[in-house]
Amino acid sequence: MGLFGGRPPDTKPVDRAGSDRPVLAQPGPTRPNAPPQKAPCVIGAKTTIQGELSGDEDILVEGTIEGEVRIVRSLMIGSGGTVRAKVHAQAVVVAGQLVGDCEVGQRMEIQATGRVTGNIRAPRIVIAEGAVFKGNSDMSPREGEASGSPRD
């Protein structure tokens, strides 16, 4: 233990069982000249955003967003977070509630505490045991992308 109960700076973070935040993969070894990993922008539990939210950084929602979300990186919805919006992002992790259609560039994950109502279009979809999903899913490649099948 470090000063004031924190972990020493040379140790890696540990996933605590029962944590109410989405679990994200830890970054691998950094490349020379690679930009440093930044903490996500947090929409707090007592914050509500109505309208369009767009950006080029990871977003963690603990509050509420209503409207449209366009994120160039990852959107993470914490267990207390609610998003009622059309979502466009590279990756989406849902531990809370998402109501709306999602267009995801890389990966959509619904964790055990997550609830999604709406259509999902993503090349990779992960739904954990205990999660709730009501809608349609489309995992087909977008136009102009290789399908990845051996018959091509």
Protein backbone atom coordinates (compact mmCIF):
# COMPACT_ATOMS: atom_id res chain seq x y z
CA MET A 1 0.00 0.00 0.00
CA GLY A 2 1.15 3.44 -0.83
CA LEU A 3 0.61 6.66 0.99
CA PHE A 4 -3.03 7.15 2.13
CA GLY A 5 -4.04 3.63 1.13
CA GLY A 6 -3.25 4.04 -2.58
CA ARG A 7 -1.18 1.58 -4.52
CA PRO A 8 2.54 2.18 -5.01
CA PRO A 9 3.21 3.93 -8.33
CA ASP A 10 5.17 0.99 -9.80
CA THR A 11 2.28 -1.52 -9.57
CA LYS A 12 -0.40 -2.21 -12.14
CA PRO A 13 -4.10 -1.61 -11.33
CA VAL A 14 -6.02 -4.59 -10.02
CA ASP A 15 -9.60 -5.38 -11.02
CA ARG A 16 -11.63 -5.53 -7.83
CA ALA A 17 -14.51 -8.00 -7.89
CA GLY A 18 -17.83 -6.25 -7.64
CA SER A 19 -16.54 -2.96 -9.03
CA ASP A 20 -19.34 -0.89 -10.54
CA ARG A 21 -17.20 0.59 -13.33
CA PRO A 22 -16.69 -1.07 -16.71
CA VAL A 23 -13.55 -3.17 -16.89
CA LEU A 24 -11.30 -2.06 -19.73
CA ALA A 25 -8.35 -3.91 -21.17
CA GLN A 26 -5.07 -2.51 -19.94
CA PRO A 27 -2.87 -1.02 -22.64
CA GLY A 28 0.03 -3.14 -23.82
CA PRO A 29 3.63 -2.02 -23.95
CA THR A 30 3.94 1.48 -25.27
CA ARG A 31 5.61 2.14 -28.60
CA PRO A 32 8.30 4.77 -28.86
CA ASN A 33 6.74 8.08 -29.92
CA ALA A 34 3.23 6.79 -29.04
CA PRO A 35 0.97 9.32 -27.32
CA PRO A 36 0.46 8.62 -23.61
CA GLN A 37 -2.80 6.95 -22.55
CA LYS A 38 -5.22 9.47 -21.06
CA ALA A 39 -7.95 8.94 -18.50
CA PRO A 40 -11.46 9.04 -19.99
CA CYS A 41 -13.69 12.11 -19.83
CA VAL A 42 -16.26 11.37 -17.11
CA ILE A 43 -19.89 12.46 -17.28
CA GLY A 44 -20.70 12.49 -13.55
CA ALA A 45 -23.60 10.73 -11.86
CA LYS A 46 -25.45 14.00 -11.23
CA THR A 47 -24.96 15.32 -14.78
CA THR A 48 -27.46 15.21 -17.66
CA ILE A 49 -26.51 16.13 -21.22
CA GLN A 50 -29.22 16.73 -23.82
CA GLY A 51 -28.35 17.20 -27.48
CA GLU A 52 -25.31 16.10 -29.45
CA LEU A 53 -22.10 14.95 -27.80
CA SER A 54 -19.03 14.50 -30.00
CA GLY A 55 -15.35 14.15 -29.32
CA ASP A 56 -12.01 12.49 -29.89
CA GLU A 57 -11.41 10.95 -26.49
CA ASP A 58 -12.76 8.09 -24.40
CA ILE A 59 -15.99 8.91 -22.54
CA LEU A 60 -17.24 7.28 -19.32
CA VAL A 61 -20.91 7.97 -18.58
CA GLU A 62 -22.00 7.71 -14.95
CA GLY A 63 -24.88 10.20 -15.47
CA THR A 64 -27.37 10.60 -18.33
CA ILE A 65 -27.04 11.49 -22.01
CA GLU A 66 -30.04 12.06 -24.30
CA GLY A 67 -29.76 12.82 -28.02
CA GLU A 68 -26.86 11.71 -30.22
CA VAL A 69 -23.33 10.56 -29.35
CA ARG A 70 -20.47 10.63 -31.89
CA ILE A 71 -17.21 9.51 -30.34
CA VAL A 72 -14.08 8.78 -32.36
CA ARG A 73 -12.83 6.50 -29.56
CA SER A 74 -14.63 4.50 -26.83
CA LEU A 75 -17.92 5.09 -25.05
CA MET A 76 -18.25 3.38 -21.69
CA ILE A 77 -21.52 3.41 -19.76
CA GLY A 78 -21.02 2.76 -16.04
CA SER A 79 -23.49 0.71 -14.01
CA GLY A 80 -25.30 3.87 -12.90
CA GLY A 81 -25.14 5.52 -16.33
CA THR A 82 -27.97 5.90 -18.84
CA VAL A 83 -27.68 6.79 -22.52
CA ARG A 84 -30.81 7.41 -24.60
CA ALA A 85 -29.24 8.25 -27.91
CA LYS A 86 -28.12 7.18 -31.34
CA VAL A 87 -24.48 6.15 -30.80
CA HIS A 88 -21.50 6.15 -33.18
CA ALA A 89 -18.18 5.05 -31.62
CA GLN A 90 -15.15 2.84 -32.22
CA ALA A 91 -15.91 0.74 -29.13
CA VAL A 92 -18.84 0.64 -26.70
CA VAL A 93 -18.90 -1.00 -23.26
CA VAL A 94 -22.26 -1.06 -21.46
CA ALA A 95 -22.53 -1.80 -17.74
CA GLY A 96 -25.58 0.49 -17.30
CA GLN A 97 -28.45 1.23 -19.68
CA LEU A 98 -28.39 2.12 -23.38
CA VAL A 99 -31.56 2.87 -25.35
CA GLY A 100 -30.92 3.60 -29.01
CA ASP A 101 -29.24 2.30 -32.14
CA CYS A 102 -25.46 1.79 -32.14
CA GLU A 103 -23.00 1.91 -35.03
CA VAL A 104 -19.70 0.60 -33.67
CA GLY A 105 -16.43 0.47 -35.61
CA GLN A 106 -14.65 -2.27 -33.68
CA ARG A 107 -16.33 -3.89 -30.66
CA MET A 108 -19.56 -3.73 -28.66
CA GLU A 109 -19.63 -5.28 -25.19
CA ILE A 110 -22.64 -5.62 -22.90
CA GLN A 111 -21.47 -6.54 -19.42
CA ALA A 112 -23.48 -8.63 -16.94
CA THR A 113 -25.16 -5.54 -15.43
CA GLY A 114 -25.79 -3.93 -18.84
CA ARG A 115 -29.14 -3.42 -20.56
CA VAL A 116 -29.37 -2.48 -24.24
CA THR A 117 -32.56 -1.75 -26.17
CA GLY A 118 -31.94 -0.97 -29.81
CA ASN A 119 -30.17 -2.21 -32.91
CA ILE A 120 -26.43 -2.87 -32.95
CA ARG A 121 -24.13 -2.84 -35.97
CA ALA A 122 -20.59 -3.92 -35.05
CA PRO A 123 -18.03 -6.42 -36.37
CA ARG A 124 -17.63 -7.93 -32.88
CA ILE A 125 -20.36 -8.17 -30.22
CA VAL A 126 -19.88 -9.60 -26.73
CA ILE A 127 -22.87 -10.19 -24.47
CA ALA A 128 -22.06 -11.41 -20.96
CA GLU A 129 -24.21 -13.86 -19.05
CA GLY A 130 -26.85 -11.87 -17.17
CA ALA A 131 -26.86 -8.97 -19.64
CA VAL A 132 -30.10 -7.90 -21.33
CA PHE A 133 -30.28 -7.13 -25.06
CA LYS A 134 -33.51 -6.37 -26.94
CA GLY A 135 -33.07 -5.51 -30.61
CA ASN A 136 -31.32 -6.69 -33.74
CA SER A 137 -27.61 -7.20 -34.30
CA ASP A 138 -25.71 -6.90 -37.57
CA MET A 139 -22.14 -8.16 -37.68
CA SER A 140 -21.69 -7.97 -41.44
CA PRO A 141 -18.77 -5.91 -42.78
CA ARG A 142 -19.49 -2.43 -44.07
CA GLU A 143 -19.42 -1.73 -47.79
CA GLY A 144 -15.85 -1.58 -49.09
CA GLU A 145 -14.44 -3.69 -46.22
CA ALA A 146 -13.19 -7.25 -46.67
CA SER A 147 -15.58 -9.82 -45.27
CA GLY A 148 -12.75 -11.93 -43.87
CA SER A 149 -14.26 -15.17 -45.17
CA PRO A 150 -11.94 -17.69 -46.83
CA ARG A 151 -14.20 -17.82 -49.92
CA ASP A 152 -13.38 -14.25 -51.04
